[in-house]
Amino acid sequence: MSSEKPLPFIYQFAAGAVAGVSEILVMYPLDVVKTRVQLQPATAKGPDAYNGMIDCFRKIVKNEGFGRLYRGIEAPILMEAPKRATKFAANDAWGKFYRDLFGMSKMNQSLSILTGATAGATEAFVVVPFELVKIRLQDRASAGKYSGMVDAVTKIVKSEGPLALYNGLESTMWRHIFWNAGYFGCIFQVRELLPKADNKTTQMGYDLISGATGGTVGTILNTPLDVVKSRIQNSPKIAGVVPKYNWAFPAIGTVMKEEGFGALYKGFIPKVLRLGPGGGILLVVFTGVMDFFRKMKAEA
């Protein structure tokens, strides 16, 4: 995300991996809470039902133990290097492509939104299998079905076929298109509005502000797609049975009809608490690591 000349892909890959793993280690429990709230049916009642983010967090720790908040983290950690590298590298590559296509010497907000959306679609192809395994492991109903990531992959492929790992690709693409468009579009606009930074500390603060703003706006835009993506990926493929949730926008219509518009923002609070600050952490760490690599390369 630096305005300086981009470094080779391997540096972006490494910086993306460090940034992604840093963010996920801090924020992952909120992702578990978000998924549990999204998957809970509107008819859920009784002492085990979740009445919100704090209640969900409390009940997971009380009934299942603190370690459950990190269940399924193997898949996202393995996903972080290719996912974050793809996010930032694809954003740079598509930015150059669109600047050349439209004959523009530098980015503007419209190009930043278009570039972010295209990078999001690219990123979706990398993350879908990891996301599906993560969702299955996070769901309370699956707690006794899978012993871990490898067991989940093995059982899903055996019972549903290898293509089941790409269940929810279309909804994942829309989720990432909306989030990346909001994220990178806001980063560009906020950086334009802020005064020029005169030192590294100020620049880090600006990156935290712009990344957190981008993460928040991206979350507002993509939460309905995230809700239906979770439900699509948590629905096992059964031969001869048409799943209730299959395609993104028809699934949004089904949720609205059966549960109301508010259901499309289930899990929004833990999601925005993760991806708002998480977007800032991601940008700060990525930019810092890239600056470190530039300095190291210049001194070599």
Foldseek 3Di string as FASTA:
>chain_A
DDPDDDDDLVLLLVLQLVLQVVLCVVQQLLVLLLLQQLPDDPPDDDPQDAPASVSSQVSCCVPPNPCLSCALVVLSNVLRSVLRSLQVVQLVVQLVVVCVVVVHPDDDLVSQLVSQLVSLLVSLVSCQLSVLLSLLRSHPVNVPVAPGSVRSQVVLCVPQNNCLSNFLSQLSSVLRSLLRSQQRSQLRVQVVVDDDDPDDVVVLVSLQQSQLRSQLRSLVRRQLSVSLSSVRSNDRDDPPDDDPRGHRPVSSVVCCVPPNNVSSCGSSVSSSVSRNSSRSSSRSSSVVSSVVVVVVVVVD
